[in-house]
């Protein structure tokens, strides 16, 4: 779909997946996934390792190209069976911010520069404008005093909050989080979850792959349980946690909640 077609799209979804499939060779990782995320909605994706959760997130911003199906983000649609034009790829990615398990910060740059450089490169902002935005976001995530620090001098939780600030600096319409606390100690992870809760309260559209069951239950608006590349169950988080309808959901929740 061209950008002109995208602009004419009637969809109101922030994210819409229709029949998204992903294969790596003969291995089917995603099985025709269809999912909608509404503007301002927080969707949590949970499930066992190897369920396809992270691959699904990477397909949304086309870090992985889907084998089949269509993906729409904020009115920009790409079809897996059509050649994806660079302008459409850039338009879709400009709408998506992503935070990974690993922080992916440039080690030779200060926190400020890590957030400033992408703005200058991607959005064409002046250095002064980009630095003002970066300092505001560092303050927002509680790290105003770390602007001149290099990543190695920051804790894991601080580095992840810098990564969140960097993603927000590009003014995305949706934020994708791929297990952002999995590499952190539980106490440090709480700092990151606090920032994510604040973003949710402010109405940021978010899709979050997480093993933090309390966050999935209490912060998300919609819960998606995945297994073997498919959606097993989805719906209201509190209802699913209290009374899961599928045996595989019950088995998974029993296993993870028994560990807490």
Protein backbone atom coordinates (compact mmCIF):
# COMPACT_ATOMS: atom_id res chain seq x y z
CA UNK A 1 0.00 0.00 0.00
CA UNK A 2 1.32 3.43 -0.90
CA UNK A 3 1.46 6.31 1.54
CA UNK A 4 -1.43 7.90 -0.32
CA UNK A 5 -3.48 4.75 0.19
CA UNK A 6 -2.43 4.68 3.81
CA UNK A 7 -3.60 8.23 4.36
CA UNK A 8 -6.99 7.25 3.00
CA UNK A 9 -7.23 4.24 5.28
CA UNK A 10 -10.30 4.21 7.51
CA UNK A 11 -8.74 2.10 10.25
CA UNK A 12 -8.81 3.53 13.75
CA UNK A 13 -6.42 0.96 15.20
CA UNK A 14 -3.01 2.05 16.36
CA UNK A 15 -1.72 -1.41 15.38
CA UNK A 16 -3.55 -3.95 13.24
CA UNK A 17 -2.19 -7.35 12.27
CA UNK A 18 -4.07 -9.47 9.74
CA UNK A 19 -2.91 -13.03 9.18
CA UNK A 20 0.72 -12.32 10.04
CA UNK A 21 2.90 -15.37 9.47
CA UNK A 22 6.63 -15.73 9.91
CA UNK A 23 8.83 -18.61 8.79
CA UNK A 24 12.52 -19.14 9.25
CA UNK A 25 13.21 -21.70 6.55
CA UNK A 26 10.86 -24.60 7.22
CA UNK A 27 10.22 -23.50 10.79
CA UNK A 28 6.86 -21.76 11.26
CA UNK A 29 7.30 -19.24 14.09
CA UNK A 30 4.06 -17.24 13.76
CA UNK A 31 0.81 -18.84 12.63
CA UNK A 32 -1.42 -16.27 10.90
CA UNK A 33 -1.68 -13.89 13.86
CA UNK A 34 -4.46 -11.31 13.81
CA UNK A 35 -4.52 -8.66 16.52
CA UNK A 36 -5.65 -5.08 17.06
CA UNK A 37 -4.29 -2.51 19.48
CA UNK A 38 -6.38 0.60 19.93
CA UNK A 39 -4.92 4.08 20.48
CA UNK A 40 -3.96 4.54 24.11
CA UNK A 41 -4.26 0.82 24.84
CA UNK A 42 -1.64 -1.22 26.66
CA UNK A 43 -1.45 -4.81 25.42
CA UNK A 44 0.66 -7.33 27.32
CA UNK A 45 1.91 -10.45 25.56
CA UNK A 46 2.79 -13.38 27.79
CA UNK A 47 3.55 -17.04 27.24
CA UNK A 48 6.37 -19.58 27.44
CA UNK A 49 9.75 -19.11 25.81
CA UNK A 50 9.62 -19.86 22.11
CA UNK A 51 5.99 -18.84 21.80
CA UNK A 52 6.78 -16.21 19.16
CA UNK A 53 6.17 -13.11 21.28
CA UNK A 54 9.42 -11.31 20.49
CA UNK A 55 9.23 -12.27 16.82
CA UNK A 56 5.75 -10.77 16.68
CA UNK A 57 7.03 -7.45 18.06
CA UNK A 58 9.92 -7.45 15.59
CA UNK A 59 7.47 -8.01 12.74
CA UNK A 60 5.39 -5.01 13.80
CA UNK A 61 8.26 -2.61 13.08
CA UNK A 62 9.62 -4.83 10.31
CA UNK A 63 12.90 -5.73 11.95
CA UNK A 64 11.69 -9.12 10.78
CA UNK A 65 9.82 -9.23 7.50
CA UNK A 66 6.62 -11.30 7.81
CA UNK A 67 6.18 -14.21 5.41
CA UNK A 68 2.49 -13.49 4.96
CA UNK A 69 -0.20 -11.08 6.11
CA UNK A 70 -0.50 -7.32 6.53
CA UNK A 71 0.68 -4.93 9.23
CA UNK A 72 -0.81 -1.49 9.82
CA UNK A 73 0.64 1.04 12.24
CA UNK A 74 -1.06 4.42 12.61
CA UNK A 75 -2.58 4.17 9.12
CA UNK A 76 0.55 2.96 7.30
CA UNK A 77 0.06 -0.54 5.88
CA UNK A 78 2.56 -2.98 4.44
CA UNK A 79 1.75 -6.30 2.78
CA UNK A 80 4.10 -9.24 3.11
CA UNK A 81 3.35 -10.43 -0.41
CA UNK A 82 4.17 -7.03 -1.97
CA UNK A 83 7.54 -5.38 -2.29
CA UNK A 84 7.92 -3.04 0.65
CA UNK A 85 8.98 0.39 -0.57
CA UNK A 86 11.66 2.17 1.42
CA UNK A 87 9.43 5.21 1.98
CA UNK A 88 6.67 3.03 3.42
CA UNK A 89 9.17 1.17 5.58
CA UNK A 90 10.54 4.49 6.87
CA UNK A 91 7.03 5.85 7.43
CA UNK A 92 5.99 2.81 9.48
CA UNK A 93 9.17 2.71 11.55
CA UNK A 94 8.92 6.43 12.28
CA UNK A 95 5.69 5.67 14.13
CA UNK A 96 7.20 2.96 16.33
CA UNK A 97 9.58 3.18 19.26
CA UNK A 98 11.15 -0.05 20.48
CA UNK A 99 12.92 -0.99 23.68
CA UNK A 100 14.81 -4.27 23.80
CA UNK A 101 16.04 -6.62 26.52
CA UNK A 102 19.58 -5.34 25.93
CA UNK A 103 19.93 -1.60 26.11
CA UNK A 104 21.75 -1.10 22.77
CA UNK A 105 23.26 2.22 23.86
CA UNK A 106 26.38 3.54 22.16
CA UNK A 107 29.08 2.97 24.82
CA UNK A 108 31.31 5.80 23.55
CA UNK A 109 28.54 8.40 23.83
CA UNK A 110 27.06 10.08 26.89
CA UNK A 111 23.46 9.52 27.83
CA UNK A 112 22.63 12.92 26.36
CA UNK A 113 24.35 12.14 23.06
CA UNK A 114 22.67 8.72 22.84
CA UNK A 115 19.32 10.50 22.88
CA UNK A 116 20.34 13.52 20.82
CA UNK A 117 21.97 11.83 17.83
CA UNK A 118 18.92 9.84 16.61
CA UNK A 119 16.81 12.99 16.67
CA UNK A 120 19.31 14.82 14.49
CA UNK A 121 19.72 11.89 12.08
CA UNK A 122 16.09 10.77 11.82
CA UNK A 123 14.05 13.92 12.48
CA UNK A 124 16.52 16.55 11.29
CA UNK A 125 16.40 18.48 14.54
CA UNK A 126 19.08 21.00 15.33
CA UNK A 127 21.58 20.10 18.03
CA UNK A 128 20.06 22.64 20.41
CA UNK A 129 16.52 21.40 19.84
CA UNK A 130 17.55 17.76 20.16
CA UNK A 131 19.48 18.43 23.37
CA UNK A 132 16.55 20.29 24.91
CA UNK A 133 14.25 17.37 24.12
CA UNK A 134 16.82 14.87 25.44
CA UNK A 135 17.26 16.73 28.73
CA UNK A 136 13.48 16.95 29.19
CA UNK A 137 13.14 13.20 28.65
CA UNK A 138 16.03 12.36 30.96
CA UNK A 139 14.27 14.39 33.62
CA UNK A 140 11.03 12.58 32.85
CA UNK A 141 12.62 9.17 33.49
CA UNK A 142 14.35 10.41 36.64
CA UNK A 143 17.86 10.72 35.22
CA UNK A 144 18.43 14.44 34.75
CA UNK A 145 21.75 14.11 36.62
CA UNK A 146 23.04 11.41 34.22
CA UNK A 147 23.14 13.49 31.04
CA UNK A 148 26.94 13.57 30.88
CA UNK A 149 27.51 10.00 32.07
CA UNK A 150 28.59 7.18 29.77
CA UNK A 151 26.51 3.95 29.80
CA UNK A 152 29.22 1.97 31.61
CA UNK A 153 28.88 4.38 34.55
CA UNK A 154 25.12 3.76 34.79
CA UNK A 155 23.30 0.82 36.33
CA UNK A 156 21.30 -1.57 34.16
CA UNK A 157 18.04 0.05 35.21
CA UNK A 158 19.40 3.48 34.41
CA UNK A 159 20.61 2.33 31.01
CA UNK A 160 17.18 0.91 30.20
CA UNK A 161 15.52 4.17 31.21
CA UNK A 162 17.94 6.02 28.93
CA UNK A 163 16.93 3.62 26.14
CA UNK A 164 13.27 4.42 26.80
CA UNK A 165 14.03 8.16 26.67
CA UNK A 166 15.88 7.63 23.38
CA UNK A 167 12.86 5.87 21.87
CA UNK A 168 10.46 8.55 23.12
CA UNK A 169 12.66 11.30 21.67
CA UNK A 170 11.59 10.27 18.16
CA UNK A 171 7.93 11.00 19.03
CA UNK A 172 6.54 7.53 18.22
CA UNK A 173 2.83 6.83 18.02
CA UNK A 174 3.28 3.40 19.62
CA UNK A 175 5.92 1.88 21.89
CA UNK A 176 7.03 -1.75 21.76
CA UNK A 177 8.78 -3.28 24.77
CA UNK A 178 10.49 -6.66 24.43
CA UNK A 179 10.96 -7.98 27.99
CA UNK A 180 12.60 -4.72 29.09
CA UNK A 181 13.27 -5.95 32.64
CA UNK A 182 14.43 -9.51 31.94
CA UNK A 183 18.15 -8.60 32.11
CA UNK A 184 17.72 -6.64 35.35
CA UNK A 185 17.62 -7.56 39.00
CA UNK A 186 14.03 -7.44 40.30
CA UNK A 187 14.60 -4.35 42.44
CA UNK A 188 16.25 -2.48 39.57
CA UNK A 189 13.51 -3.61 37.20
CA UNK A 190 10.96 -1.79 39.32
CA UNK A 191 12.51 1.54 38.21
CA UNK A 192 11.80 0.63 34.58
CA UNK A 193 8.30 -0.64 35.31
CA UNK A 194 7.52 2.63 37.09
CA UNK A 195 8.39 4.59 33.93
CA UNK A 196 6.25 2.21 31.85
CA UNK A 197 3.32 2.61 34.23
CA UNK A 198 3.62 6.39 33.90
CA UNK A 199 3.61 6.13 30.11
CA UNK A 200 0.50 3.96 30.30
CA UNK A 201 -1.19 6.50 32.58
CA UNK A 202 -0.35 9.22 30.05
CA UNK A 203 -2.10 7.31 27.27
CA UNK A 204 0.87 5.96 25.32
CA UNK A 205 -0.09 3.04 23.06
CA UNK A 206 2.07 0.11 24.11
CA UNK A 207 2.62 -3.55 23.23
CA UNK A 208 4.69 -5.23 25.92
CA UNK A 209 6.24 -8.69 25.91
CA UNK A 210 6.79 -9.34 29.59
CA UNK A 211 7.36 -11.96 32.25
CA UNK A 212 6.22 -9.47 34.91
CA UNK A 213 2.81 -10.95 35.72
CA UNK A 214 1.76 -8.13 38.05
CA UNK A 215 2.38 -5.60 35.30
CA UNK A 216 0.49 -7.75 32.80
CA UNK A 217 -2.49 -8.06 35.13
CA UNK A 218 -2.66 -4.60 36.66
CA UNK A 219 -1.33 -2.21 34.00
CA UNK A 220 -2.35 -3.71 30.67
CA UNK A 221 -5.81 -3.17 29.20
CA UNK A 222 -5.70 -6.32 27.09
CA UNK A 223 -3.85 -9.58 27.67
CA UNK A 224 -2.61 -11.87 24.90
CA UNK A 225 -1.40 -15.36 25.81
CA UNK A 226 0.77 -16.97 23.14
CA UNK A 227 2.08 -20.48 22.62
CA UNK A 228 3.71 -22.25 19.68
CA UNK A 229 3.41 -19.20 17.44
CA UNK A 230 -0.30 -18.68 17.98
CA UNK A 231 -2.66 -16.78 20.26
CA UNK A 232 -4.04 -19.23 22.82
CA UNK A 233 -6.29 -16.81 24.65
CA UNK A 234 -6.85 -13.06 24.88
CA UNK A 235 -9.10 -10.67 26.72
CA UNK A 236 -9.43 -8.77 29.99
CA UNK A 237 -6.28 -9.37 32.07
CA UNK A 238 -8.06 -9.73 35.40
CA UNK A 239 -10.56 -12.21 33.97
CA UNK A 240 -7.86 -14.34 32.38
CA UNK A 241 -5.73 -14.39 35.53
CA UNK A 242 -8.76 -15.22 37.68
CA UNK A 243 -10.41 -17.74 35.36
CA UNK A 244 -8.38 -18.76 32.29
CA UNK A 245 -10.50 -20.61 29.76
CA UNK A 246 -7.77 -22.63 28.04
CA UNK A 247 -5.89 -25.49 29.66
CA UNK A 248 -2.57 -24.26 28.27
CA UNK A 249 -3.17 -20.81 29.78
CA UNK A 250 -3.91 -22.40 33.14
CA UNK A 251 -0.75 -24.49 32.91
CA UNK A 252 1.42 -21.50 32.03
CA UNK A 253 -0.01 -19.20 34.70
CA UNK A 254 0.26 -21.89 37.35
CA UNK A 255 3.92 -22.40 36.47
CA UNK A 256 4.92 -18.72 36.49
CA UNK A 257 2.82 -17.70 39.49
CA UNK A 258 4.17 -20.58 41.57
CA UNK A 259 7.67 -19.14 41.04
CA UNK A 260 6.73 -15.71 42.38
